[in-house]
PDB file of N, CA and C in Angstrom:
ATOM      1  N   MET A   1      55.159 165.476  93.594  1.00  0.00           N
ATOM      2  CA  MET A   1      55.966 164.196  93.429  1.00  0.00           C
ATOM      3  C   MET A   1      57.419 164.520  93.548  1.00  0.00           C
ATOM      4  N   ALA A   2      57.904 165.625  92.851  1.00  0.00           N
ATOM      5  CA  ALA A   2      59.389 165.899  92.713  1.00  0.00           C
ATOM      6  C   ALA A   2      59.685 166.478  93.913  1.00  0.00           C
ATOM      7  N   PHE A   3      59.017 167.023  95.052  1.00  0.00           N
ATOM      8  CA  PHE A   3      59.343 167.283  96.460  1.00  0.00           C
ATOM      9  C   PHE A   3      59.593 165.931  96.997  1.00  0.00           C
ATOM     10  N   VAL A   4      58.652 164.941  96.898  1.00  0.00           N
ATOM     11  CA  VAL A   4      58.974 163.637  97.661  1.00  0.00           C
ATOM     12  C   VAL A   4      60.349 162.948  97.154  1.00  0.00           C
ATOM     13  N   ALA A   5      60.513 163.052  95.902  1.00  0.00           N
ATOM     14  CA  ALA A   5      61.958 162.462  95.566  1.00  0.00           C
ATOM     15  C   ALA A   5      63.025 163.264  96.028  1.00  0.00           C
ATOM     16  N   ALA A   6      63.057 164.531  95.894  1.00  0.00           N
ATOM     17  CA  ALA A   6      64.137 165.496  96.372  1.00  0.00           C
ATOM     18  C   ALA A   6      64.264 165.210  98.031  1.00  0.00           C
ATOM     19  N   THR A   7      63.281 164.794  98.720  1.00  0.00           N
ATOM     20  CA  THR A   7      63.070 164.688 100.127  1.00  0.00           C
ATOM     21  C   THR A   7      63.973 163.263 100.338  1.00  0.00           C
ATOM     22  N   ALA A   8      63.551 162.123  99.480  1.00  0.00           N
ATOM     23  CA  ALA A   8      63.829 161.072  99.760  1.00  0.00           C
ATOM     24  C   ALA A   8      65.596 160.973  99.283  1.00  0.00           C
ATOM     25  N   ARG A   9      65.753 161.854  98.300  1.00  0.00           N
ATOM     26  CA  ARG A   9      67.163 161.607  97.986  1.00  0.00           C
ATOM     27  C   ARG A   9      68.008 162.298  99.154  1.00  0.00           C
ATOM     28  N   ALA A  10      67.556 163.289  99.646  1.00  0.00           N
ATOM     29  CA  ALA A  10      68.275 164.039 100.763  1.00  0.00           C
ATOM     30  C   ALA A  10      68.429 163.121 102.012  1.00  0.00           C
ATOM     31  N   TRP A  11      67.364 162.340 102.219  1.00  0.00           N
ATOM     32  CA  TRP A  11      67.328 161.467 103.324  1.00  0.00           C
ATOM     33  C   TRP A  11      68.235 160.345 103.020  1.00  0.00           C
ATOM     34  N   LEU A  12      68.312 159.808 101.759  1.00  0.00           N
ATOM     35  CA  LEU A  12      69.334 158.654 101.404  1.00  0.00           C
ATOM     36  C   LEU A  12      70.765 159.059 101.544  1.00  0.00           C
ATOM     37  N   LEU A  13      71.059 160.347 101.043  1.00  0.00           N
ATOM     38  CA  LEU A  13      72.285 160.792 101.085  1.00  0.00           C
ATOM     39  C   LEU A  13      72.646 161.181 102.336  1.00  0.00           C
ATOM     40  N   THR A  14      71.887 161.474 103.447  1.00  0.00           N
ATOM     41  CA  THR A  14      72.147 161.723 104.867  1.00  0.00           C
ATOM     42  C   THR A  14      72.916 160.360 105.388  1.00  0.00           C
ATOM     43  N   ILE A  15      71.960 159.165 104.966  1.00  0.00           N
ATOM     44  CA  ILE A  15      72.113 157.917 105.560  1.00  0.00           C
ATOM     45  C   ILE A  15      73.642 157.472 104.908  1.00  0.00           C
ATOM     46  N   VAL A  16      73.744 157.540 103.756  1.00  0.00           N
ATOM     47  CA  VAL A  16      74.987 157.309 103.105  1.00  0.00           C
ATOM     48  C   VAL A  16      76.355 158.077 103.678  1.00  0.00           C
ATOM     49  N   ARG A  17      75.986 159.308 104.063  1.00  0.00           N
ATOM     50  CA  ARG A  17      77.230 160.167 104.475  1.00  0.00           C
ATOM     51  C   ARG A  17      77.535 159.869 105.853  1.00  0.00           C
ATOM     52  N   ASN A  18      76.393 159.426 106.816  1.00  0.00           N
ATOM     53  CA  ASN A  18      76.641 159.169 108.186  1.00  0.00           C
ATOM     54  C   ASN A  18      77.156 157.725 108.276  1.00  0.00           C
ATOM     55  N   SER A  19      76.737 156.733 107.287  1.00  0.00           N
ATOM     56  CA  SER A  19      77.487 155.578 107.388  1.00  0.00           C
ATOM     57  C   SER A  19      78.849 155.638 106.866  1.00  0.00           C
ATOM     58  N   CYS A  20      79.251 156.259 105.972  1.00  0.00           N
ATOM     59  CA  CYS A  20      80.699 156.546 105.327  1.00  0.00           C
ATOM     60  C   CYS A  20      81.235 157.004 106.608  1.00  0.00           C
ATOM     61  N   SER A  21      80.970 158.046 107.109  1.00  0.00           N
ATOM     62  CA  SER A  21      81.724 158.908 108.213  1.00  0.00           C
ATOM     63  C   SER A  21      81.911 157.916 109.312  1.00  0.00           C
ATOM     64  N   THR A  22      80.972 156.994 109.964  1.00  0.00           N
ATOM     65  CA  THR A  22      81.128 156.031 110.651  1.00  0.00           C
ATOM     66  C   THR A  22      82.077 154.844 110.354  1.00  0.00           C
ATOM     67  N   TRP A  23      82.289 154.478 109.288  1.00  0.00           N
ATOM     68  CA  TRP A  23      83.100 153.599 108.439  1.00  0.00           C
ATOM     69  C   TRP A  23      84.633 153.923 108.508  1.00  0.00           C
ATOM     70  N   LEU A  24      84.505 155.129 107.892  1.00  0.00           N
ATOM     71  CA  LEU A  24      86.114 155.720 107.972  1.00  0.00           C
ATOM     72  C   LEU A  24      86.562 156.045 109.574  1.00  0.00           C
ATOM     73  N   GLU A  25      85.839 156.573 110.378  1.00  0.00           N
ATOM     74  CA  GLU A  25      86.318 156.621 111.962  1.00  0.00           C
ATOM     75  C   GLU A  25      86.512 155.229 112.302  1.00  0.00           C
ATOM     76  N   GLN A  26      85.969 154.093 111.981  1.00  0.00           N
ATOM     77  CA  GLN A  26      86.303 152.966 112.460  1.00  0.00           C
ATOM     78  C   GLN A  26      87.489 152.240 111.856  1.00  0.00           C
ATOM     79  N   ASN A  27      87.773 152.569 110.684  1.00  0.00           N
ATOM     80  CA  ASN A  27      88.669 151.970 109.744  1.00  0.00           C
ATOM     81  C   ASN A  27      89.857 152.604 109.335  1.00  0.00           C
ATOM     82  N   ARG A  28      89.980 153.984 109.746  1.00  0.00           N
ATOM     83  CA  ARG A  28      90.953 154.828 109.297  1.00  0.00           C
ATOM     84  C   ARG A  28      92.380 154.353 109.649  1.00  0.00           C
ATOM     85  N   ARG A  29      93.368 154.310 108.782  1.00  0.00           N
ATOM     86  CA  ARG A  29      94.537 153.986 109.088  1.00  0.00           C
ATOM     87  C   ARG A  29      95.351 155.115 109.933  1.00  0.00           C
ATOM     88  N   GLN A  30      96.182 154.933 110.877  1.00  0.00           N
ATOM     89  CA  GLN A  30      96.905 155.766 111.533  1.00  0.00           C
ATOM     90  C   GLN A  30      98.183 156.726 110.575  1.00  0.00           C
ATOM     91  N   GLU A  31      98.489 156.039 109.626  1.00  0.00           N
ATOM     92  CA  GLU A  31      99.524 156.699 108.796  1.00  0.00           C
ATOM     93  C   GLU A  31      98.720 157.423 107.584  1.00  0.00           C
ATOM     94  N   PRO A  32      99.387 158.335 107.257  1.00  0.00           N
ATOM     95  CA  PRO A  32      98.939 158.998 106.026  1.00  0.00           C
ATOM     96  C   PRO A  32      98.980 158.245 104.923  1.00  0.00           C
ATOM     97  N   THR A  33      97.824 158.477 103.978  1.00  0.00           N
ATOM     98  CA  THR A  33      97.671 157.787 102.883  1.00  0.00           C
ATOM     99  C   THR A  33      97.792 158.744 101.609  1.00  0.00           C
ATOM    100  N   THR A  34      98.087 158.194 100.385  1.00  0.00           N
ATOM    101  CA  THR A  34      98.141 159.019  99.196  1.00  0.00           C
ATOM    102  C   THR A  34      96.869 159.364  98.736  1.00  0.00           C
ATOM    103  N   ALA A  35      96.449 160.588  98.387  1.00  0.00           N
ATOM    104  CA  ALA A  35      95.163 160.794  98.035  1.00  0.00           C
ATOM    105  C   ALA A  35      94.893 160.578  96.442  1.00  0.00           C
ATOM    106  N   PHE A  36      93.740 159.955  96.295  1.00  0.00           N
ATOM    107  CA  PHE A  36      93.494 159.916  94.700  1.00  0.00           C
ATOM    108  C   PHE A  36      93.588 161.139  94.013  1.00  0.00           C
ATOM    109  N   ASP A  37      94.446 160.983  92.871  1.00  0.00           N
ATOM    110  CA  ASP A  37      94.698 162.145  92.152  1.00  0.00           C
ATOM    111  C   ASP A  37      94.126 161.811  90.770  1.00  0.00           C
ATOM    112  N   GLU A  38      92.967 162.359  90.276  1.00  0.00           N
ATOM    113  CA  GLU A  38      92.549 162.075  88.847  1.00  0.00           C
ATOM    114  C   GLU A  38      93.691 162.109  87.734  1.00  0.00           C
ATOM    115  N   GLU A  39      94.161 163.277  87.801  1.00  0.00           N
ATOM    116  CA  GLU A  39      95.277 163.268  86.404  1.00  0.00           C
ATOM    117  C   GLU A  39      96.262 162.272  86.586  1.00  0.00           C
ATOM    118  N   ILE A  40      96.729 161.843  87.674  1.00  0.00           N
ATOM    119  CA  ILE A  40      97.553 160.623  87.712  1.00  0.00           C
ATOM    120  C   ILE A  40      96.963 159.266  87.610  1.00  0.00           C
ATOM    121  N   HIS A  41      95.939 158.975  88.085  1.00  0.00           N
ATOM    122  CA  HIS A  41      95.195 157.699  87.956  1.00  0.00           C
ATOM    123  C   HIS A  41      94.222 157.649  86.851  1.00  0.00           C
ATOM    124  N   SER A  42      93.980 158.569  86.077  1.00  0.00           N
ATOM    125  CA  SER A  42      93.239 158.335  85.028  1.00  0.00           C
ATOM    126  C   SER A  42      93.585 157.571  83.733  1.00  0.00           C
ATOM    127  N   ALA A  43      92.954 156.699  83.312  1.00  0.00           N
ATOM    128  CA  ALA A  43      93.399 155.872  81.966  1.00  0.00           C
ATOM    129  C   ALA A  43      93.122 156.738  80.710  1.00  0.00           C
ATOM    130  N   GLU A  44      92.505 157.660  80.961  1.00  0.00           N
ATOM    131  CA  GLU A  44      92.097 158.657  79.757  1.00  0.00           C
ATOM    132  C   GLU A  44      93.394 159.295  79.102  1.00  0.00           C
ATOM    133  N   GLU A  45      93.719 159.244  77.890  1.00  0.00           N
ATOM    134  CA  GLU A  45      94.850 159.982  77.188  1.00  0.00           C
ATOM    135  C   GLU A  45      94.451 161.464  76.982  1.00  0.00           C
ATOM    136  N   HIS A  46      95.339 162.272  77.278  1.00  0.00           N
ATOM    137  CA  HIS A  46      95.214 163.824  77.059  1.00  0.00           C
ATOM    138  C   HIS A  46      95.929 164.103  75.752  1.00  0.00           C
ATOM    139  N   SER A  47      95.232 164.966  74.838  1.00  0.00           N
ATOM    140  CA  SER A  47      95.974 165.341  73.703  1.00  0.00           C
ATOM    141  C   SER A  47      96.235 166.891  73.839  1.00  0.00           C
ATOM    142  N   GLN A  48      96.453 167.359  75.122  1.00  0.00           N
ATOM    143  CA  GLN A  48      97.013 168.512  75.439  1.00  0.00           C
ATOM    144  C   GLN A  48      98.413 168.680  75.443  1.00  0.00           C
ATOM    145  N   SER A  49      99.152 169.649  75.177  1.00  0.00           N
ATOM    146  CA  SER A  49     100.700 169.716  75.355  1.00  0.00           C
ATOM    147  C   SER A  49     100.910 169.637  76.610  1.00  0.00           C
ATOM    148  N   PRO A  50     102.338 169.217  76.932  1.00  0.00           N
ATOM    149  CA  PRO A  50     102.754 169.057  78.342  1.00  0.00           C
ATOM    150  C   PRO A  50     102.647 170.290  79.207  1.00  0.00           C
ATOM    151  N   GLU A  51     102.724 171.419  78.699  1.00  0.00           N
ATOM    152  CA  GLU A  51     102.719 172.766  79.436  1.00  0.00           C
ATOM    153  C   GLU A  51     101.213 173.036  79.714  1.00  0.00           C
ATOM    154  N   ALA A  52     100.161 172.617  78.984  1.00  0.00           N
ATOM    155  CA  ALA A  52      98.843 172.652  79.170  1.00  0.00           C
ATOM    156  C   ALA A  52      98.428 171.732  80.183  1.00  0.00           C
ATOM    157  N   LEU A  53      99.113 170.618  80.343  1.00  0.00           N
ATOM    158  CA  LEU A  53      98.770 169.656  81.495  1.00  0.00           C
ATOM    159  C   LEU A  53      99.427 170.038  82.725  1.00  0.00           C
ATOM    160  N   VAL A  54     100.564 170.756  82.683  1.00  0.00           N
ATOM    161  CA  VAL A  54     101.120 171.193  83.893  1.00  0.00           C
ATOM    162  C   VAL A  54     100.345 172.355  84.587  1.00  0.00           C
ATOM    163  N   LEU A  55     100.024 173.065  83.634  1.00  0.00           N
ATOM    164  CA  LEU A  55      99.261 174.354  84.115  1.00  0.00           C
ATOM    165  C   LEU A  55      97.891 173.914  84.718  1.00  0.00           C
ATOM    166  N   GLU A  56      97.140 172.976  84.014  1.00  0.00           N
ATOM    167  CA  GLU A  56      95.872 172.458  84.591  1.00  0.00           C
ATOM    168  C   GLU A  56      95.999 171.647  85.857  1.00  0.00           C
ATOM    169  N   SER A  57      96.950 170.904  86.084  1.00  0.00           N
ATOM    170  CA  SER A  57      97.311 170.296  87.169  1.00  0.00           C
ATOM    171  C   SER A  57      97.606 171.394  88.451  1.00  0.00           C
ATOM    172  N   ALA A  58      98.404 172.332  88.007  1.00  0.00           N
ATOM    173  CA  ALA A  58      98.599 173.385  89.022  1.00  0.00           C
ATOM    174  C   ALA A  58      97.423 174.302  89.489  1.00  0.00           C
ATOM    175  N   ASP A  59      96.445 174.372  88.430  1.00  0.00           N
ATOM    176  CA  ASP A  59      95.130 175.090  88.876  1.00  0.00           C
ATOM    177  C   ASP A  59      94.322 174.092  89.617  1.00  0.00           C
ATOM    178  N   ALA A  60      94.306 172.947  89.546  1.00  0.00           N
ATOM    179  CA  ALA A  60      93.521 171.827  90.209  1.00  0.00           C
ATOM    180  C   ALA A  60      94.172 171.706  91.661  1.00  0.00           C
ATOM    181  N   ARG A  61      95.367 171.831  91.653  1.00  0.00           N
ATOM    182  CA  ARG A  61      96.037 171.766  92.867  1.00  0.00           C
ATOM    183  C   ARG A  61      95.741 173.120  93.945  1.00  0.00           C
ATOM    184  N   LEU A  62      95.863 174.075  93.047  1.00  0.00           N
ATOM    185  CA  LEU A  62      95.361 175.362  93.752  1.00  0.00           C
ATOM    186  C   LEU A  62      94.088 175.482  94.372  1.00  0.00           C
ATOM    187  N   VAL A  63      93.066 174.996  93.655  1.00  0.00           N
ATOM    188  CA  VAL A  63      91.692 174.718  93.958  1.00  0.00           C
ATOM    189  C   VAL A  63      91.738 173.794  95.141  1.00  0.00           C
ATOM    190  N   ARG A  64      92.139 172.720  94.995  1.00  0.00           N
ATOM    191  CA  ARG A  64      92.206 171.786  96.161  1.00  0.00           C
ATOM    192  C   ARG A  64      92.654 172.284  97.462  1.00  0.00           C
ATOM    193  N   ASP A  65      93.797 172.823  97.288  1.00  0.00           N
ATOM    194  CA  ASP A  65      94.436 173.722  98.512  1.00  0.00           C
ATOM    195  C   ASP A  65      93.450 174.640  99.005  1.00  0.00           C
ATOM    196  N   ALA A  66      93.012 175.446  98.180  1.00  0.00           N
ATOM    197  CA  ALA A  66      91.964 176.528  98.627  1.00  0.00           C
ATOM    198  C   ALA A  66      90.731 175.906  99.509  1.00  0.00           C
ATOM    199  N   LEU A  67      90.146 174.678  98.716  1.00  0.00           N
ATOM    200  CA  LEU A  67      89.140 174.118  99.610  1.00  0.00           C
ATOM    201  C   LEU A  67      89.446 173.535 100.783  1.00  0.00           C
ATOM    202  N   GLU A  68      90.517 172.781 101.059  1.00  0.00           N
ATOM    203  CA  GLU A  68      91.203 172.386 102.217  1.00  0.00           C
ATOM    204  C   GLU A  68      91.190 173.839 103.321  1.00  0.00           C
ATOM    205  N   GLU A  69      91.546 174.714 102.985  1.00  0.00           N
ATOM    206  CA  GLU A  69      91.566 175.632 103.847  1.00  0.00           C
ATOM    207  C   GLU A  69      90.406 176.301 104.426  1.00  0.00           C
ATOM    208  N   LEU A  70      89.177 175.859 103.981  1.00  0.00           N
ATOM    209  CA  LEU A  70      87.801 176.111 104.449  1.00  0.00           C
ATOM    210  C   LEU A  70      87.522 175.255 105.735  1.00  0.00           C
ATOM    211  N   PRO A  71      86.657 176.000 106.454  1.00  0.00           N
ATOM    212  CA  PRO A  71      86.288 175.106 107.743  1.00  0.00           C
ATOM    213  C   PRO A  71      85.243 173.875 107.131  1.00  0.00           C
ATOM    214  N   PRO A  72      85.265 172.778 107.756  1.00  0.00           N
ATOM    215  CA  PRO A  72      84.474 171.585 107.160  1.00  0.00           C
ATOM    216  C   PRO A  72      83.198 172.025 106.822  1.00  0.00           C
ATOM    217  N   GLU A  73      82.247 172.678 107.614  1.00  0.00           N
ATOM    218  CA  GLU A  73      80.947 173.108 107.205  1.00  0.00           C
ATOM    219  C   GLU A  73      80.882 173.913 105.853  1.00  0.00           C
ATOM    220  N   PHE A  74      81.750 174.897 105.658  1.00  0.00           N
ATOM    221  CA  PHE A  74      81.910 175.513 104.446  1.00  0.00           C
ATOM    222  C   PHE A  74      82.207 174.803 103.281  1.00  0.00           C
ATOM    223  N   ARG A  75      83.181 173.947 103.477  1.00  0.00           N
ATOM    224  CA  ARG A  75      83.678 173.134 102.522  1.00  0.00           C
ATOM    225  C   ARG A  75      82.594 172.197 101.982  1.00  0.00           C
ATOM    226  N   LYS A  76      81.679 171.722 103.009  1.00  0.00           N
ATOM    227  CA  LYS A  76      80.685 170.587 102.456  1.00  0.00           C
ATOM    228  C   LYS A  76      79.668 171.415 101.690  1.00  0.00           C
ATOM    229  N   ALA A  77      79.447 172.443 102.124  1.00  0.00           N
ATOM    230  CA  ALA A  77      78.337 173.291 101.295  1.00  0.00           C
ATOM    231  C   ALA A  77      78.731 173.524  99.989  1.00  0.00           C
ATOM    232  N   ILE A  78      79.776 174.259  99.862  1.00  0.00           N
ATOM    233  CA  ILE A  78      80.468 174.464  98.520  1.00  0.00           C
ATOM    234  C   ILE A  78      80.615 173.521  97.551  1.00  0.00           C
ATOM    235  N   VAL A  79      81.110 172.434  98.130  1.00  0.00           N
ATOM    236  CA  VAL A  79      81.222 171.257  97.199  1.00  0.00           C
ATOM    237  C   VAL A  79      79.921 170.596  96.989  1.00  0.00           C
ATOM    238  N   LEU A  80      79.088 170.439  97.797  1.00  0.00           N
ATOM    239  CA  LEU A  80      77.750 170.003  97.322  1.00  0.00           C
ATOM    240  C   LEU A  80      77.054 170.902  96.333  1.00  0.00           C
ATOM    241  N   ARG A  81      77.074 172.316  96.504  1.00  0.00           N
ATOM    242  CA  ARG A  81      76.621 173.174  95.598  1.00  0.00           C
ATOM    243  C   ARG A  81      77.318 173.334  94.140  1.00  0.00           C
ATOM    244  N   GLU A  82      78.668 173.448  94.311  1.00  0.00           N
ATOM    245  CA  GLU A  82      79.172 173.724  92.941  1.00  0.00           C
ATOM    246  C   GLU A  82      79.871 172.645  92.405  1.00  0.00           C
ATOM    247  N   LEU A  83      80.351 171.453  93.109  1.00  0.00           N
ATOM    248  CA  LEU A  83      80.699 170.398  92.261  1.00  0.00           C
ATOM    249  C   LEU A  83      79.643 169.075  92.050  1.00  0.00           C
ATOM    250  N   GLU A  84      78.636 168.860  93.345  1.00  0.00           N
ATOM    251  CA  GLU A  84      77.701 168.220  92.901  1.00  0.00           C
ATOM    252  C   GLU A  84      76.284 168.707  92.365  1.00  0.00           C
ATOM    253  N   GLY A  85      76.263 170.072  92.277  1.00  0.00           N
ATOM    254  CA  GLY A  85      75.235 170.361  91.674  1.00  0.00           C
ATOM    255  C   GLY A  85      73.863 170.665  92.376  1.00  0.00           C
ATOM    256  N   MET A  86      73.899 170.314  93.764  1.00  0.00           N
ATOM    257  CA  MET A  86      72.759 170.231  94.573  1.00  0.00           C
ATOM    258  C   MET A  86      72.212 171.496  94.700  1.00  0.00           C
ATOM    259  N   SER A  87      70.750 171.686  94.960  1.00  0.00           N
ATOM    260  CA  SER A  87      70.081 172.875  95.190  1.00  0.00           C
ATOM    261  C   SER A  87      70.109 173.277  96.682  1.00  0.00           C
ATOM    262  N   TYR A  88      69.838 174.564  97.014  1.00  0.00           N
ATOM    263  CA  TYR A  88      70.190 174.756  98.453  1.00  0.00           C
ATOM    264  C   TYR A  88      69.050 173.973  99.217  1.00  0.00           C
ATOM    265  N   LYS A  89      68.055 173.462  98.746  1.00  0.00           N
ATOM    266  CA  LYS A  89      66.959 172.672  99.646  1.00  0.00           C
ATOM    267  C   LYS A  89      67.522 171.508  99.938  1.00  0.00           C
ATOM    268  N   GLU A  90      68.087 170.826  98.807  1.00  0.00           N
ATOM    269  CA  GLU A  90      68.674 169.585  99.001  1.00  0.00           C
ATOM    270  C   GLU A  90      69.893 169.521  99.864  1.00  0.00           C
ATOM    271  N   ILE A  91      70.900 170.639  99.839  1.00  0.00           N
ATOM    272  CA  ILE A  91      71.964 170.836 100.900  1.00  0.00           C
ATOM    273  C   ILE A  91      71.463 170.773 102.145  1.00  0.00           C
ATOM    274  N   ALA A  92      70.380 171.526 102.469  1.00  0.00           N
ATOM    275  CA  ALA A  92      69.670 171.627 103.792  1.00  0.00           C
ATOM    276  C   ALA A  92      69.178 170.550 104.143  1.00  0.00           C
ATOM    277  N   GLY A  93      68.401 169.787 103.549  1.00  0.00           N
ATOM    278  CA  GLY A  93      68.130 168.361 103.745  1.00  0.00           C
ATOM    279  C   GLY A  93      69.203 167.454 104.129  1.00  0.00           C
ATOM    280  N   LEU A  94      70.048 167.442 103.374  1.00  0.00           N
ATOM    281  CA  LEU A  94      71.217 166.465 103.595  1.00  0.00           C
ATOM    282  C   LEU A  94      71.926 166.835 104.776  1.00  0.00           C
ATOM    283  N   CYS A  95      72.170 168.158 105.069  1.00  0.00           N
ATOM    284  CA  CYS A  95      72.981 168.509 106.241  1.00  0.00           C
ATOM    285  C   CYS A  95      72.238 168.795 107.474  1.00  0.00           C
ATOM    286  N   ALA A  96      70.802 168.688 107.381  1.00  0.00           N
ATOM    287  CA  ALA A  96      69.729 168.866 108.533  1.00  0.00           C
ATOM    288  C   ALA A  96      70.198 170.468 109.198  1.00  0.00           C
ATOM    289  N   ILE A  97      70.170 171.176 108.275  1.00  0.00           N
ATOM    290  CA  ILE A  97      70.326 172.707 108.579  1.00  0.00           C
ATOM    291  C   ILE A  97      69.280 173.639 107.889  1.00  0.00           C
ATOM    292  N   PRO A  98      68.847 174.624 108.201  1.00  0.00           N
ATOM    293  CA  PRO A  98      67.878 175.483 107.507  1.00  0.00           C
ATOM    294  C   PRO A  98      68.626 175.996 106.200  1.00  0.00           C
ATOM    295  N   VAL A  99      67.754 176.496 105.195  1.00  0.00           N
ATOM    296  CA  VAL A  99      68.082 176.841 103.879  1.00  0.00           C
ATOM    297  C   VAL A  99      68.771 178.264 104.251  1.00  0.00           C
ATOM    298  N   GLY A 100      68.519 178.970 105.016  1.00  0.00           N
ATOM    299  CA  GLY A 100      69.305 180.329 105.389  1.00  0.00           C
ATOM    300  C   GLY A 100      70.567 179.894 105.939  1.00  0.00           C
ATOM    301  N   THR A 101      70.843 178.855 106.623  1.00  0.00           N
ATOM    302  CA  THR A 101      72.214 178.664 106.873  1.00  0.00           C
ATOM    303  C   THR A 101      73.004 178.314 105.728  1.00  0.00           C
ATOM    304  N   VAL A 102      72.390 177.286 104.822  1.00  0.00           N
ATOM    305  CA  VAL A 102      73.083 176.988 103.624  1.00  0.00           C
ATOM    306  C   VAL A 102      73.706 178.283 102.734  1.00  0.00           C
ATOM    307  N   VAL A 103      72.684 179.166 102.716  1.00  0.00           N
ATOM    308  CA  VAL A 103      72.929 180.476 101.931  1.00  0.00           C
ATOM    309  C   VAL A 103      74.114 181.085 102.646  1.00  0.00           C
ATOM    310  N   SER A 104      74.190 181.439 103.955  1.00  0.00           N
ATOM    311  CA  SER A 104      75.107 182.065 104.458  1.00  0.00           C
ATOM    312  C   SER A 104      76.607 181.168 104.613  1.00  0.00           C
ATOM    313  N   ARG A 105      76.609 179.936 104.715  1.00  0.00           N
ATOM    314  CA  ARG A 105      77.685 179.245 104.661  1.00  0.00           C
ATOM    315  C   ARG A 105      78.364 179.321 103.149  1.00  0.00           C
ATOM    316  N   LEU A 106      77.506 179.388 102.138  1.00  0.00           N
ATOM    317  CA  LEU A 106      77.953 179.389 100.620  1.00  0.00           C
ATOM    318  C   LEU A 106      78.474 180.896 100.572  1.00  0.00           C
ATOM    319  N   ALA A 107      77.917 181.856 101.000  1.00  0.00           N
ATOM    320  CA  ALA A 107      78.365 183.130 100.862  1.00  0.00           C
ATOM    321  C   ALA A 107      79.774 183.375 101.582  1.00  0.00           C
ATOM    322  N   ARG A 108      79.820 182.784 102.725  1.00  0.00           N
ATOM    323  CA  ARG A 108      81.068 182.794 103.617  1.00  0.00           C
ATOM    324  C   ARG A 108      82.103 182.026 102.911  1.00  0.00           C
ATOM    325  N   ALA A 109      81.700 181.033 102.288  1.00  0.00           N
ATOM    326  CA  ALA A 109      82.992 180.157 101.629  1.00  0.00           C
ATOM    327  C   ALA A 109      83.472 180.663 100.461  1.00  0.00           C
ATOM    328  N   ARG A 110      82.404 181.390  99.670  1.00  0.00           N
ATOM    329  CA  ARG A 110      82.838 182.134  98.510  1.00  0.00           C
ATOM    330  C   ARG A 110      83.715 183.387  98.930  1.00  0.00           C
ATOM    331  N   GLN A 111      83.429 183.976 100.053  1.00  0.00           N
ATOM    332  CA  GLN A 111      84.198 185.230 100.276  1.00  0.00           C
ATOM    333  C   GLN A 111      85.785 184.824 100.702  1.00  0.00           C
ATOM    334  N   ARG A 112      85.881 183.583 101.453  1.00  0.00           N
ATOM    335  CA  ARG A 112      86.955 182.914 101.721  1.00  0.00           C
ATOM    336  C   ARG A 112      87.752 182.636 100.626  1.00  0.00           C
ATOM    337  N   LEU A 113      87.187 181.826  99.606  1.00  0.00           N
ATOM    338  CA  LEU A 113      87.814 181.502  98.571  1.00  0.00           C
ATOM    339  C   LEU A 113      88.393 182.737  97.526  1.00  0.00           C
ATOM    340  N   GLU A 114      87.439 183.732  97.701  1.00  0.00           N
ATOM    341  CA  GLU A 114      88.096 184.887  96.962  1.00  0.00           C
ATOM    342  C   GLU A 114      89.113 185.527  97.366  1.00  0.00           C
ATOM    343  N   ARG A 115      89.097 185.601  98.850  1.00  0.00           N
ATOM    344  CA  ARG A 115      90.267 186.162  99.771  1.00  0.00           C
ATOM    345  C   ARG A 115      91.528 185.335  99.339  1.00  0.00           C
ATOM    346  N   TYR A 116      91.384 183.886  99.407  1.00  0.00           N
ATOM    347  CA  TYR A 116      92.415 183.077  99.130  1.00  0.00           C
ATOM    348  C   TYR A 116      93.168 183.250  97.867  1.00  0.00           C
ATOM    349  N   PHE A 117      92.196 183.398  96.823  1.00  0.00           N
ATOM    350  CA  PHE A 117      92.917 183.497  95.559  1.00  0.00           C
ATOM    351  C   PHE A 117      93.359 184.955  95.205  1.00  0.00           C
ATOM    352  N   THR A 118      92.654 185.908  95.832  1.00  0.00           N
ATOM    353  CA  THR A 118      93.084 187.288  95.298  1.00  0.00           C
ATOM    354  C   THR A 118      94.377 187.538  96.265  1.00  0.00           C
ATOM    355  N   GLY A 119      94.487 186.915  97.464  1.00  0.00           N
ATOM    356  CA  GLY A 119      95.698 186.865  98.218  1.00  0.00           C
ATOM    357  C   GLY A 119      96.927 186.278  97.668  1.00  0.00           C
ATOM    358  N   SER A 120      96.752 185.199  96.936  1.00  0.00           N
ATOM    359  CA  SER A 120      97.898 184.422  96.395  1.00  0.00           C
ATOM    360  C   SER A 120      98.186 185.375  95.001  1.00  0.00           C
ATOM    361  N   LEU A 121      97.363 185.881  94.345  1.00  0.00           N
ATOM    362  CA  LEU A 121      97.667 186.592  93.102  1.00  0.00           C
ATOM    363  C   LEU A 121      98.388 188.035  93.592  1.00  0.00           C
ATOM    364  N   GLU A 122      98.084 188.667  94.682  1.00  0.00           N
ATOM    365  CA  GLU A 122      98.566 189.685  95.174  1.00  0.00           C
ATOM    366  C   GLU A 122      99.877 189.500  95.855  1.00  0.00           C
ATOM    367  N   GLN A 123     100.154 188.514  96.291  1.00  0.00           N
ATOM    368  CA  GLN A 123     101.708 188.121  96.662  1.00  0.00           C
ATOM    369  C   GLN A 123     102.574 187.584  95.782  1.00  0.00           C
ATOM    370  N   GLY A 124     101.974 187.209  94.501  1.00  0.00           N
ATOM    371  CA  GLY A 124     102.639 186.855  93.351  1.00  0.00           C
ATOM    372  C   GLY A 124     102.964 185.503  93.464  1.00  0.00           C
ATOM    373  N   ALA A 125     102.173 184.595  94.298  1.00  0.00           N
ATOM    374  CA  ALA A 125     102.486 183.333  94.452  1.00  0.00           C
ATOM    375  C   ALA A 125     102.179 182.426  93.298  1.00  0.00           C
ATOM    376  N   LEU A 126     103.189 181.654  92.894  1.00  0.00           N
ATOM    377  CA  LEU A 126     102.724 180.860  91.800  1.00  0.00           C
ATOM    378  C   LEU A 126     102.407 179.415  92.343  1.00  0.00           C
ATOM    379  N   PRO A 127     101.395 178.670  91.986  1.00  0.00           N
ATOM    380  CA  PRO A 127     101.080 177.375  92.366  1.00  0.00           C
ATOM    381  C   PRO A 127     102.090 176.299  92.180  1.00  0.00           C
TER     382      PRO A 127
END
């Protein structure tokens, strides 16, 4: 029963993803838009110090920049696994690829992220 639910979820997510992609392609504006930034648009009050908020924002920006540097197929796999918490099987079903491909894409995405962050640290770059 759990397998059927996971399969149905993957099937539904695939339909939603494809519908969203189609809609975005048809309705995309030609001018660049401002991306939603949770730190700016959040109604939630933060009790942290201004310095801590700046560092947190810089870290989030660094991670976002690193993810944007990944090829789309690697980015999709790492976001679905690490941010959405999906299993390898669920990702494979959603993306219509074998589980082995999911494993290799995640490994390559993690390697690229590691190189991105260690390269930034070695160069002394601050976010």
